[in-house]
C-alpha atoms as a PDB file:
ATOM      1  CA  MET A   1       0.000   0.000   0.000  1.00  0.00           C
ATOM      2  CA  THR A   2       1.242   3.446  -0.957  1.00  0.00           C
ATOM      3  CA  GLU A   3      -0.184   6.757   0.181  1.00  0.00           C
ATOM      4  CA  ILE A   4      -0.982   9.044  -2.734  1.00  0.00           C
ATOM      5  CA  GLU A   5      -1.755  12.735  -3.086  1.00  0.00           C
ATOM      6  CA  VAL A   6      -3.969  13.911  -5.927  1.00  0.00           C
ATOM      7  CA  PRO A   7      -4.559  17.589  -6.691  1.00  0.00           C
ATOM      8  CA  THR A   8      -7.988  18.770  -7.777  1.00  0.00           C
ATOM      9  CA  LYS A   9      -8.499  21.431 -10.455  1.00  0.00           C
ATOM     10  CA  ARG A  10      -9.091  23.968  -7.669  1.00  0.00           C
ATOM     11  CA  GLY A  11      -5.666  23.008  -6.283  1.00  0.00           C
ATOM     12  CA  THR A  12      -6.767  21.207  -3.121  1.00  0.00           C
ATOM     13  CA  VAL A  13      -4.682  18.097  -2.502  1.00  0.00           C
ATOM     14  CA  LEU A  14      -6.661  14.984  -1.563  1.00  0.00           C
ATOM     15  CA  ASN A  15      -5.108  11.951   0.121  1.00  0.00           C
ATOM     16  CA  GLY A  16      -5.718   8.351  -0.771  1.00  0.00           C
ATOM     17  CA  VAL A  17      -3.997   5.005  -0.813  1.00  0.00           C
ATOM     18  CA  LEU A  18      -3.097   2.746  -3.696  1.00  0.00           C
ATOM     19  CA  PHE A  19      -2.905  -1.013  -3.333  1.00  0.00           C
ATOM     20  CA  ASP A  20      -1.039  -1.993  -6.481  1.00  0.00           C
ATOM     21  CA  THR A  21       0.220  -5.121  -8.132  1.00  0.00           C
ATOM     22  CA  PRO A  22       2.621  -5.572 -11.030  1.00  0.00           C
ATOM     23  CA  LYS A  23       1.032  -5.087 -14.433  1.00  0.00           C
ATOM     24  CA  ALA A  24      -2.592  -4.572 -13.345  1.00  0.00           C
ATOM     25  CA  ASP A  25      -4.650  -2.951 -16.094  1.00  0.00           C
ATOM     26  CA  THR A  26      -7.757  -2.514 -13.920  1.00  0.00           C
ATOM     27  CA  VAL A  27      -8.228  -0.316 -10.879  1.00  0.00           C
ATOM     28  CA  VAL A  28     -11.197   0.056  -8.549  1.00  0.00           C
ATOM     29  CA  ILE A  29     -11.507   3.561  -7.104  1.00  0.00           C
ATOM     30  CA  ALA A  30     -13.635   3.621  -3.941  1.00  0.00           C
ATOM     31  CA  ILE A  31     -14.891   7.074  -2.992  1.00  0.00           C
ATOM     32  CA  THR A  32     -15.281   7.459   0.780  1.00  0.00           C
ATOM     33  CA  GLY A  33     -18.299   8.624   2.686  1.00  0.00           C
ATOM     34  CA  VAL A  34     -18.528  11.307   5.366  1.00  0.00           C
ATOM     35  CA  HIS A  35     -15.571  11.036   7.743  1.00  0.00           C
ATOM     36  CA  GLY A  36     -14.272   8.089   5.672  1.00  0.00           C
ATOM     37  CA  ASN A  37     -10.536   7.681   5.936  1.00  0.00           C
ATOM     38  CA  PHE A  38      -7.935   4.969   5.629  1.00  0.00           C
ATOM     39  CA  TYR A  39      -6.222   5.903   8.878  1.00  0.00           C
ATOM     40  CA  SER A  40      -9.049   4.675  11.103  1.00  0.00           C
ATOM     41  CA  ASN A  41     -10.796   2.131   8.888  1.00  0.00           C
ATOM     42  CA  PRO A  42      -8.717  -1.044   8.483  1.00  0.00           C
ATOM     43  CA  PHE A  43     -11.647  -2.676   6.659  1.00  0.00           C
ATOM     44  CA  TYR A  44     -10.327  -1.190   3.420  1.00  0.00           C
ATOM     45  CA  TYR A  45      -7.101  -3.166   3.749  1.00  0.00           C
ATOM     46  CA  ASN A  46      -9.279  -6.236   3.146  1.00  0.00           C
ATOM     47  CA  PHE A  47     -10.568  -4.676  -0.077  1.00  0.00           C
ATOM     48  CA  GLY A  48      -7.054  -3.804  -1.239  1.00  0.00           C
ATOM     49  CA  ASP A  49      -5.657  -7.228  -0.463  1.00  0.00           C
ATOM     50  CA  THR A  50      -8.637  -8.981  -2.092  1.00  0.00           C
ATOM     51  CA  PHE A  51      -8.474  -6.941  -5.302  1.00  0.00           C
ATOM     52  CA  ASN A  52      -4.691  -7.398  -5.454  1.00  0.00           C
ATOM     53  CA  ALA A  53      -5.112 -11.166  -5.103  1.00  0.00           C
ATOM     54  CA  GLY A  54      -7.402 -11.002  -8.156  1.00  0.00           C
ATOM     55  CA  GLY A  55      -4.835  -9.050 -10.190  1.00  0.00           C
ATOM     56  CA  MET A  56      -6.565  -5.680  -9.835  1.00  0.00           C
ATOM     57  CA  ASP A  57      -5.410  -2.496  -8.149  1.00  0.00           C
ATOM     58  CA  PHE A  58      -7.446  -0.583  -5.579  1.00  0.00           C
ATOM     59  CA  ILE A  59      -7.543   3.083  -4.622  1.00  0.00           C
ATOM     60  CA  TYR A  60      -9.221   4.160  -1.422  1.00  0.00           C
ATOM     61  CA  ALA A  61     -10.064   7.742  -2.359  1.00  0.00           C
ATOM     62  CA  GLN A  62     -10.636  10.267   0.377  1.00  0.00           C
ATOM     63  CA  THR A  63     -12.504  13.290  -0.926  1.00  0.00           C
ATOM     64  CA  ASN A  64     -13.187  16.694   0.561  1.00  0.00           C
ATOM     65  CA  ASP A  65     -15.392  15.179   3.291  1.00  0.00           C
ATOM     66  CA  ALA A  66     -12.861  12.773   4.801  1.00  0.00           C
ATOM     67  CA  PHE A  67     -12.462  13.302   8.530  1.00  0.00           C
ATOM     68  CA  ASN A  68     -14.145  16.110  10.409  1.00  0.00           C
ATOM     69  CA  GLN A  69     -11.166  18.337   9.645  1.00  0.00           C
ATOM     70  CA  ILE A  70      -7.775  17.587   8.090  1.00  0.00           C
ATOM     71  CA  ARG A  71      -4.933  19.817   7.018  1.00  0.00           C
ATOM     72  CA  THR A  72      -3.839  19.712   3.403  1.00  0.00           C
ATOM     73  CA  TYR A  73      -2.443  22.229   0.973  1.00  0.00           C
ATOM     74  CA  ASN A  74      -3.372  23.918  -2.254  1.00  0.00           C
ATOM     75  CA  THR A  75      -1.053  23.526  -5.235  1.00  0.00           C
ATOM     76  CA  LYS A  76      -2.326  26.733  -6.848  1.00  0.00           C
ATOM     77  CA  THR A  77      -2.070  29.069  -3.864  1.00  0.00           C
ATOM     78  CA  GLY A  78       0.783  27.276  -2.088  1.00  0.00           C
ATOM     79  CA  LYS A  79      -1.121  27.726   1.163  1.00  0.00           C
ATOM     80  CA  GLU A  80      -2.332  25.265   3.757  1.00  0.00           C
ATOM     81  CA  GLU A  81      -6.032  24.399   3.675  1.00  0.00           C
ATOM     82  CA  ILE A  82      -8.344  22.674   6.091  1.00  0.00           C
ATOM     83  CA  ILE A  83     -10.826  20.308   4.504  1.00  0.00           C
ATOM     84  CA  GLY A  84     -13.201  17.716   5.926  1.00  0.00           C
ATOM     85  CA  SER A  85     -16.875  17.016   6.412  1.00  0.00           C
ATOM     86  CA  ARG A  86     -17.228  20.278   8.279  1.00  0.00           C
ATOM     87  CA  TYR A  87     -16.349  22.073   5.028  1.00  0.00           C
ATOM     88  CA  GLU A  88     -17.994  19.690   2.567  1.00  0.00           C
ATOM     89  CA  ASP A  89     -19.362  21.202  -0.619  1.00  0.00           C
ATOM     90  CA  PHE A  90     -21.099  18.575  -2.721  1.00  0.00           C
ATOM     91  CA  HIS A  91     -20.513  20.717  -5.796  1.00  0.00           C
ATOM     92  CA  TRP A  92     -16.818  19.770  -5.599  1.00  0.00           C
ATOM     93  CA  THR A  93     -17.734  16.154  -6.345  1.00  0.00           C
ATOM     94  CA  ASP A  94     -16.799  16.383 -10.023  1.00  0.00           C
ATOM     95  CA  GLU A  95     -13.358  17.817  -9.249  1.00  0.00           C
ATOM     96  CA  ASP A  96     -12.701  15.314  -6.471  1.00  0.00           C
ATOM     97  CA  VAL A  97     -13.620  12.299  -8.621  1.00  0.00           C
ATOM     98  CA  ASP A  98     -11.809  13.751 -11.654  1.00  0.00           C
ATOM     99  CA  ALA A  99      -8.617  14.071  -9.600  1.00  0.00           C
ATOM    100  CA  TYR A 100      -8.590  10.329  -8.905  1.00  0.00           C
ATOM    101  CA  LEU A 101      -9.583   9.470 -12.479  1.00  0.00           C
ATOM    102  CA  ASP A 102      -6.738  11.641 -13.790  1.00  0.00           C
ATOM    103  CA  PHE A 103      -4.354   9.873 -11.412  1.00  0.00           C
ATOM    104  CA  ALA A 104      -5.531   6.472 -12.663  1.00  0.00           C
ATOM    105  CA  LEU A 105      -5.186   7.525 -16.290  1.00  0.00           C
ATOM    106  CA  THR A 106      -1.627   8.741 -15.743  1.00  0.00           C
ATOM    107  CA  LYS A 107      -0.822   5.328 -14.228  1.00  0.00           C
ATOM    108  CA  GLY A 108      -1.973   3.736 -17.502  1.00  0.00           C
ATOM    109  CA  TYR A 109      -5.002   1.751 -16.355  1.00  0.00           C
ATOM    110  CA  LYS A 110      -7.183   0.491 -19.223  1.00  0.00           C
ATOM    111  CA  HIS A 111     -10.199  -0.226 -17.017  1.00  0.00           C
ATOM    112  CA  ILE A 112     -11.366   2.041 -14.206  1.00  0.00           C
ATOM    113  CA  ILE A 113     -14.232   1.052 -11.935  1.00  0.00           C
ATOM    114  CA  LEU A 114     -15.818   3.654  -9.658  1.00  0.00           C
ATOM    115  CA  ALA A 115     -17.312   2.509  -6.367  1.00  0.00           C
ATOM    116  CA  GLY A 116     -18.474   4.368  -3.306  1.00  0.00           C
ATOM    117  CA  HIS A 117     -19.389   3.933   0.325  1.00  0.00           C
ATOM    118  CA  SER A 118     -22.165   5.882   2.044  1.00  0.00           C
ATOM    119  CA  LEU A 119     -22.081   9.470   0.728  1.00  0.00           C
ATOM    120  CA  GLY A 120     -19.315   8.308  -1.610  1.00  0.00           C
ATOM    121  CA  ALA A 121     -21.875   6.140  -3.444  1.00  0.00           C
ATOM    122  CA  ASN A 122     -24.041   9.223  -3.936  1.00  0.00           C
ATOM    123  CA  LYS A 123     -21.027  11.103  -5.261  1.00  0.00           C
ATOM    124  CA  VAL A 124     -20.284   8.345  -7.778  1.00  0.00           C
ATOM    125  CA  VAL A 125     -23.910   8.276  -8.991  1.00  0.00           C
ATOM    126  CA  TYR A 126     -23.931  12.087  -9.223  1.00  0.00           C
ATOM    127  CA  TYR A 127     -20.643  12.094 -11.139  1.00  0.00           C
ATOM    128  CA  LEU A 128     -21.710   9.373 -13.566  1.00  0.00           C
ATOM    129  CA  SER A 129     -25.046  11.095 -14.211  1.00  0.00           C
ATOM    130  CA  ARG A 130     -23.148  14.179 -15.390  1.00  0.00           C
ATOM    131  CA  HIS A 131     -20.335  12.515 -17.377  1.00  0.00           C
ATOM    132  CA  ASN A 132     -20.612  10.127 -20.278  1.00  0.00           C
ATOM    133  CA  ASP A 133     -17.070   8.797 -20.159  1.00  0.00           C
ATOM    134  CA  LYS A 134     -16.602   5.144 -21.036  1.00  0.00           C
END
């Protein structure tokens, strides 16, 4: 497992983790729900290990609503930011999901599967209803 940082178009850096295997061409990106985070939820290690055993990679993708509050930074302003469920803006869903999709595309995945937990499932449905990407 490797911690990753993905910048959104607005510059906010989101944190996630990548469970990767050699030569995987498929990745599952799981968007977290409110307060969802990999630091306090070891359940997602089971997902990562299971997908890896099947030859697929797994990204546990914390979005703007992970934690109550967490410090991050903005690549455009160079300043520290505080994000978290306290500051959630559902309208940032597209940028948050796009950041992880862009990351996956730069890694060369041929197949990208979006999944979500709790509010993350709503974010995935919202995103897919607005984008017709294959």
